[in-house]
Amino acid sequence: MDKIRSTFISKDVIIFLSPPGAFRKNVSFKGHLRFQGHSSPKYKCLIHSNIEIIVVDVLKKGLVRLCKYQVIMNGMRFGLYQKIVDSGVISNEDGSMSSMGVIIAGASVGITGALIGSPFYLVKTQLQSQSSESIAVGFQHQHKGTIGAFIRIAKEGGVRGLWRGATTSIPSVGVGSATQLLSFSKTKELVDNLGMYPRDSWQGSLVGALVSGFAVACMMCPFDVVRTRVYNQATNSDGKGLTYNGYTDCLKKIFKTEGLFGFYKGWTTLVTRLAPHSFLNLLFWQYLLKQYKKYQE
């Protein structure tokens, strides 16, 4: 039942937030091939990328693929996390949540969901990064569709190729999931303890979700830039990346060619997507959880 609730949460949220995700993907490729002598970035800022992509590309590109990934990843993540919360293993004696327990549980369920849904994220990233020639940035895979992308990737790298770059999701989603759940639970507890609103009120969930959304965007950006570039790079006949040899190699090359700020390419677009994504996910999660408990009673 927890996974069913989480599935509805994921599908409702991403329908509204797919466009910012497409903008962020393209902006995060700024400087991607600079060390190889390729042209300079084509997107100057969030507004510029929005206008270019809206005018030249289809706004909802990647929506179906994003739904599949988010349903698997967030469905697994929220479902497993709620099971852990209900078991009481991360609760203190006074009923509050243990900070370390939330961090470990949040990171663990996030990594589990991300690894299982990694093939869908790989295909979604490559398809969503495809653009018309006049504004294209990053490597263009020219997939014909979701099924075609899966078949092509499997042919080039075998079944293992579908999980290429999956390890880059571990720090990204692990940190993001732990940050989201910790900041939300602790902020909500603080609001409840201050007595500003009734305990477990929607106002407490609202404040917690707002704080959590911003915290997640700030913490995930560097990891997300690395993950996106590793997933989208060109591959050889053996399915190995041509630009980056792995996570560490990508980190070194970004820092060497773009500096520290290279890890925050697309930060503004990430905030416009992740902040409301986290905010709505948490609000829907709490609302559906309350409705389910009422139904059980």
Protein backbone atom coordinates (compact mmCIF):
# COMPACT_ATOMS: atom_id res chain seq x y z
CA MET A 1 0.00 0.00 0.00
CA ASP A 2 2.91 2.34 0.76
CA LYS A 3 4.32 1.79 -2.73
CA ILE A 4 0.92 2.41 -4.34
CA ARG A 5 0.62 5.76 -2.55
CA SER A 6 4.15 6.65 -3.58
CA THR A 7 3.39 5.80 -7.21
CA PHE A 8 0.51 8.30 -7.32
CA ILE A 9 2.74 10.92 -5.68
CA SER A 10 5.46 10.52 -8.30
CA LYS A 11 3.16 10.62 -11.33
CA ASP A 12 1.26 13.71 -10.18
CA VAL A 13 4.39 15.70 -9.38
CA ILE A 14 6.47 15.04 -12.50
CA ILE A 15 3.72 16.02 -14.95
CA PHE A 16 4.20 19.60 -13.74
CA LEU A 17 7.97 19.49 -13.43
CA SER A 18 9.20 17.80 -16.61
CA PRO A 19 9.91 21.09 -18.47
CA PRO A 20 12.34 22.45 -15.81
CA GLY A 21 14.05 19.06 -15.88
CA ALA A 22 14.67 19.38 -19.63
CA PHE A 23 16.04 22.91 -19.13
CA ARG A 24 18.38 21.75 -16.36
CA LYS A 25 19.75 18.84 -18.38
CA ASN A 26 20.76 21.10 -21.25
CA VAL A 27 22.24 23.86 -19.06
CA SER A 28 24.28 21.32 -17.06
CA PHE A 29 26.17 20.40 -20.24
CA LYS A 30 27.71 23.89 -20.48
CA GLY A 31 31.46 23.36 -20.78
CA HIS A 32 30.95 19.60 -21.20
CA LEU A 33 33.23 19.32 -24.26
CA ARG A 34 35.32 22.43 -23.80
CA PHE A 35 38.44 20.49 -22.89
CA GLN A 36 38.15 18.65 -26.22
CA GLY A 37 38.17 21.91 -28.18
CA HIS A 38 34.48 22.02 -29.06
CA SER A 39 32.30 25.11 -29.26
CA SER A 40 31.32 27.23 -26.27
CA PRO A 41 28.00 26.78 -24.42
CA LYS A 42 24.80 27.87 -26.14
CA TYR A 43 22.70 28.62 -23.06
CA LYS A 44 23.47 31.79 -21.12
CA CYS A 45 20.98 31.50 -18.26
CA LEU A 46 17.69 29.96 -17.16
CA ILE A 47 15.51 32.39 -19.14
CA HIS A 48 17.61 31.95 -22.28
CA SER A 49 17.50 28.15 -22.07
CA ASN A 50 13.75 28.21 -21.48
CA ILE A 51 13.09 30.38 -24.52
CA GLU A 52 15.38 28.37 -26.80
CA ILE A 53 14.01 24.98 -25.79
CA ILE A 54 10.37 26.11 -25.88
CA VAL A 55 10.80 27.62 -29.34
CA VAL A 56 12.86 24.83 -30.91
CA ASP A 57 12.01 21.66 -28.97
CA VAL A 58 8.88 19.99 -27.67
CA LEU A 59 8.29 21.11 -24.08
CA LYS A 60 7.25 17.75 -22.72
CA LYS A 61 10.12 15.70 -24.16
CA GLY A 62 11.02 12.86 -21.85
CA LEU A 63 7.81 13.04 -19.79
CA VAL A 64 6.81 9.39 -20.24
CA ARG A 65 10.35 8.17 -19.53
CA LEU A 66 10.57 10.43 -16.50
CA CYS A 67 7.30 8.99 -15.18
CA LYS A 68 8.67 5.45 -15.40
CA TYR A 69 11.87 6.34 -13.57
CA GLN A 70 10.19 8.41 -10.87
CA VAL A 71 7.47 5.82 -10.24
CA ILE A 72 10.12 3.15 -9.69
CA MET A 73 12.62 5.29 -7.79
CA ASN A 74 10.28 7.34 -5.58
CA GLY A 75 7.74 4.55 -5.25
CA MET A 76 10.45 2.31 -3.86
CA ARG A 77 12.02 5.10 -1.79
CA PHE A 78 8.94 6.41 0.02
CA GLY A 79 7.45 2.94 0.36
CA LEU A 80 10.53 1.45 2.01
CA TYR A 81 11.14 4.54 4.15
CA GLN A 82 7.61 4.47 5.56
CA LYS A 83 8.07 0.81 6.46
CA ILE A 84 11.23 1.74 8.38
CA VAL A 85 9.46 4.62 10.16
CA ASP A 86 6.52 2.38 11.11
CA SER A 87 8.91 -0.23 12.53
CA GLY A 88 10.21 2.34 15.04
CA VAL A 89 13.90 1.50 14.52
CA ILE A 90 14.83 5.13 13.77
CA SER A 91 12.69 6.69 16.52
CA ASN A 92 14.00 8.03 19.83
CA GLU A 93 12.39 7.16 23.16
CA ASP A 94 10.47 10.45 23.17
CA GLY A 95 8.96 9.67 19.77
CA SER A 96 11.16 12.05 17.79
CA MET A 97 13.18 10.85 14.80
CA SER A 98 16.86 10.01 15.25
CA SER A 99 18.92 12.25 12.96
CA MET A 100 21.48 9.55 12.23
CA GLY A 101 18.72 7.01 11.73
CA VAL A 102 16.95 9.24 9.21
CA ILE A 103 20.22 9.88 7.34
CA ILE A 104 21.08 6.18 7.07
CA ALA A 105 17.52 5.13 6.20
CA GLY A 106 17.04 7.99 3.74
CA ALA A 107 20.30 7.33 1.93
CA SER A 108 19.72 3.56 1.84
CA VAL A 109 16.22 3.69 0.36
CA GLY A 110 17.30 6.39 -2.09
CA ILE A 111 20.22 4.34 -3.38
CA THR A 112 18.06 1.21 -3.64
CA GLY A 113 15.41 2.98 -5.69
CA ALA A 114 17.98 4.72 -7.91
CA LEU A 115 19.86 1.53 -8.75
CA ILE A 116 16.68 -0.34 -9.65
CA GLY A 117 15.41 2.52 -11.80
CA SER A 118 18.81 3.38 -13.33
CA PRO A 119 18.08 2.03 -16.86
CA PHE A 120 15.05 4.31 -17.12
CA TYR A 121 17.10 7.29 -15.93
CA LEU A 122 19.79 6.49 -18.51
CA VAL A 123 17.27 6.42 -21.36
CA LYS A 124 15.40 9.45 -20.04
CA THR A 125 18.60 11.50 -19.78
CA GLN A 126 19.72 10.67 -23.31
CA LEU A 127 16.30 11.30 -24.82
CA GLN A 128 15.64 14.49 -22.86
CA SER A 129 19.07 15.85 -23.80
CA GLN A 130 18.37 15.45 -27.52
CA SER A 131 17.71 18.80 -29.15
CA SER A 132 17.38 20.31 -32.56
CA GLU A 133 20.76 20.94 -34.20
CA SER A 134 20.63 24.71 -33.71
CA ILE A 135 20.62 24.49 -29.90
CA ALA A 136 22.09 21.05 -29.22
CA VAL A 137 24.60 20.72 -26.37
CA GLY A 138 26.28 17.57 -25.08
CA PHE A 139 26.42 14.35 -27.08
CA GLN A 140 23.34 13.65 -29.22
CA HIS A 141 22.43 9.96 -29.26
CA GLN A 142 19.63 10.32 -31.83
CA HIS A 143 17.43 7.62 -30.31
CA LYS A 144 14.10 7.10 -32.07
CA GLY A 145 12.13 6.38 -28.91
CA THR A 146 12.15 4.63 -25.54
CA ILE A 147 12.09 1.05 -26.85
CA GLY A 148 14.63 1.88 -29.53
CA ALA A 149 16.92 3.44 -26.93
CA PHE A 150 16.78 0.36 -24.70
CA ILE A 151 17.52 -1.96 -27.64
CA ARG A 152 20.37 0.17 -28.94
CA ILE A 153 22.02 0.52 -25.52
CA ALA A 154 21.68 -3.23 -24.87
CA LYS A 155 23.21 -4.05 -28.27
CA GLU A 156 26.16 -1.74 -27.71
CA GLY A 157 26.93 -2.63 -24.11
CA GLY A 158 24.88 -5.71 -23.33
CA VAL A 159 22.42 -5.89 -20.45
CA ARG A 160 25.14 -4.46 -18.24
CA GLY A 161 25.18 -1.38 -20.47
CA LEU A 162 21.69 -0.48 -19.26
CA TRP A 163 23.24 0.20 -15.86
CA ARG A 164 26.12 2.27 -17.25
CA GLY A 165 26.70 5.18 -14.92
CA ALA A 166 24.47 3.66 -12.24
CA THR A 167 27.18 4.09 -9.60
CA THR A 168 27.05 7.85 -10.18
CA SER A 169 23.52 7.75 -8.75
CA ILE A 170 24.77 6.50 -5.39
CA PRO A 171 26.24 9.82 -4.11
CA SER A 172 23.63 11.93 -5.92
CA VAL A 173 20.46 10.17 -4.83
CA GLY A 174 21.92 9.02 -1.52
CA VAL A 175 22.77 12.57 -0.45
CA GLY A 176 19.56 13.97 -1.93
CA SER A 177 17.29 11.42 -0.27
CA ALA A 178 19.00 11.73 3.13
CA THR A 179 18.90 15.55 2.93
CA GLN A 180 15.26 15.62 1.90
CA LEU A 181 13.97 13.30 4.61
CA LEU A 182 16.18 14.70 7.39
CA SER A 183 15.44 18.37 6.70
CA PHE A 184 11.73 17.63 6.34
CA SER A 185 11.35 15.55 9.50
CA LYS A 186 13.43 17.88 11.67
CA THR A 187 11.77 21.07 10.43
CA LYS A 188 8.34 19.53 10.91
CA GLU A 189 9.30 18.42 14.43
CA LEU A 190 10.53 21.94 15.22
CA VAL A 191 7.26 23.51 14.05
CA ASP A 192 5.27 20.97 16.08
CA ASN A 193 7.38 21.58 19.22
CA LEU A 194 7.00 25.36 18.93
CA GLY A 195 3.25 24.90 19.17
CA MET A 196 2.54 27.29 16.33
CA TYR A 197 0.08 24.86 14.77
CA PRO A 198 -1.59 21.59 15.82
CA ARG A 199 0.78 18.61 15.79
CA ASP A 200 1.02 16.90 12.39
CA SER A 201 -0.85 19.80 10.78
CA TRP A 202 -0.63 20.59 7.07
CA GLN A 203 1.08 23.86 7.99
CA GLY A 204 3.95 21.95 9.61
CA SER A 205 4.25 19.74 6.55
CA LEU A 206 4.21 22.83 4.34
CA VAL A 207 7.08 24.53 6.19
CA GLY A 208 9.06 21.29 6.31
CA ALA A 209 8.56 20.69 2.60
CA LEU A 210 9.67 24.24 1.72
CA VAL A 211 12.89 23.96 3.71
CA SER A 212 13.54 20.46 2.39
CA GLY A 213 13.09 21.46 -1.25
CA PHE A 214 15.73 24.18 -1.09
CA ALA A 215 18.14 22.03 0.95
CA VAL A 216 17.93 19.16 -1.54
CA ALA A 217 18.64 21.43 -4.52
CA CYS A 218 21.73 22.90 -2.83
CA MET A 219 23.16 19.54 -1.79
CA MET A 220 22.45 17.58 -4.98
CA CYS A 221 23.68 19.97 -7.68
CA PRO A 222 27.38 18.93 -7.87
CA PHE A 223 26.48 15.23 -7.81
CA ASP A 224 23.72 15.73 -10.35
CA VAL A 225 26.00 17.50 -12.85
CA VAL A 226 28.46 14.59 -12.73
CA ARG A 227 25.71 11.99 -12.98
CA THR A 228 24.07 13.68 -15.97
CA ARG A 229 27.32 13.97 -17.92
CA VAL A 230 28.37 10.37 -17.30
CA TYR A 231 24.95 9.07 -18.34
CA ASN A 232 24.81 11.14 -21.52
CA GLN A 233 28.36 10.69 -22.88
CA ALA A 234 29.11 8.90 -26.14
CA THR A 235 30.26 5.27 -25.96
CA ASN A 236 32.51 3.02 -28.04
CA SER A 237 31.60 -0.35 -29.54
CA ASP A 238 32.11 -1.99 -26.14
CA GLY A 239 29.72 0.39 -24.43
CA LYS A 240 32.47 2.25 -22.56
CA GLY A 241 32.34 6.02 -22.20
CA LEU A 242 34.49 8.07 -24.59
CA THR A 243 34.62 11.26 -22.52
CA TYR A 244 34.79 10.06 -18.92
CA ASN A 245 36.26 6.83 -17.52
CA GLY A 246 34.03 6.97 -14.48
CA TYR A 247 32.78 9.10 -11.63
CA THR A 248 36.20 10.16 -10.34
CA ASP A 249 37.49 10.94 -13.83
CA CYS A 250 34.45 13.11 -14.48
CA LEU A 251 35.01 14.99 -11.22
CA LYS A 252 38.64 15.69 -12.13
CA LYS A 253 37.88 16.86 -15.66
CA ILE A 254 35.06 19.18 -14.60
CA PHE A 255 37.24 20.77 -11.92
CA LYS A 256 40.24 21.06 -14.26
CA THR A 257 38.38 22.61 -17.20
CA GLU A 258 35.55 24.51 -15.50
CA GLY A 259 36.64 25.04 -11.92
CA LEU A 260 34.55 24.72 -8.77
CA PHE A 261 31.61 26.57 -10.29
CA GLY A 262 31.43 23.91 -13.00
CA PHE A 263 29.73 21.65 -10.46
CA TYR A 264 26.95 24.21 -10.10
CA LYS A 265 26.12 24.56 -13.79
CA GLY A 266 22.34 24.62 -14.02
CA TRP A 267 21.88 25.32 -10.28
CA THR A 268 19.05 27.77 -10.93
CA THR A 269 17.23 25.31 -13.15
CA LEU A 270 17.83 22.55 -10.60
CA VAL A 271 16.21 24.68 -7.89
CA THR A 272 13.19 25.40 -10.12
CA ARG A 273 12.72 21.66 -10.61
CA LEU A 274 13.94 19.95 -7.44
CA ALA A 275 12.56 22.44 -4.90
CA PRO A 276 8.92 22.14 -6.05
CA HIS A 277 9.45 18.44 -6.83
CA SER A 278 10.56 17.74 -3.27
CA PHE A 279 7.92 20.11 -1.88
CA LEU A 280 5.01 18.47 -3.72
CA ASN A 281 6.28 14.94 -3.13
CA LEU A 282 6.40 15.47 0.62
CA LEU A 283 3.03 17.23 0.80
CA PHE A 284 1.29 14.52 -1.22
CA TRP A 285 3.06 11.83 0.81
CA GLN A 286 1.86 13.28 4.11
CA TYR A 287 -1.66 13.87 2.80
CA LEU A 288 -2.07 10.34 1.42
CA LEU A 289 -0.52 8.90 4.58
CA LYS A 290 -3.11 10.67 6.73
CA GLN A 291 -5.94 9.53 4.46
CA TYR A 292 -4.69 5.94 4.64
CA LYS A 293 -4.53 6.04 8.43
CA LYS A 294 -8.09 7.40 8.56
CA TYR A 295 -9.19 4.59 6.28
CA GLN A 296 -7.56 2.01 8.55
CA GLU A 297 -9.34 3.45 11.58
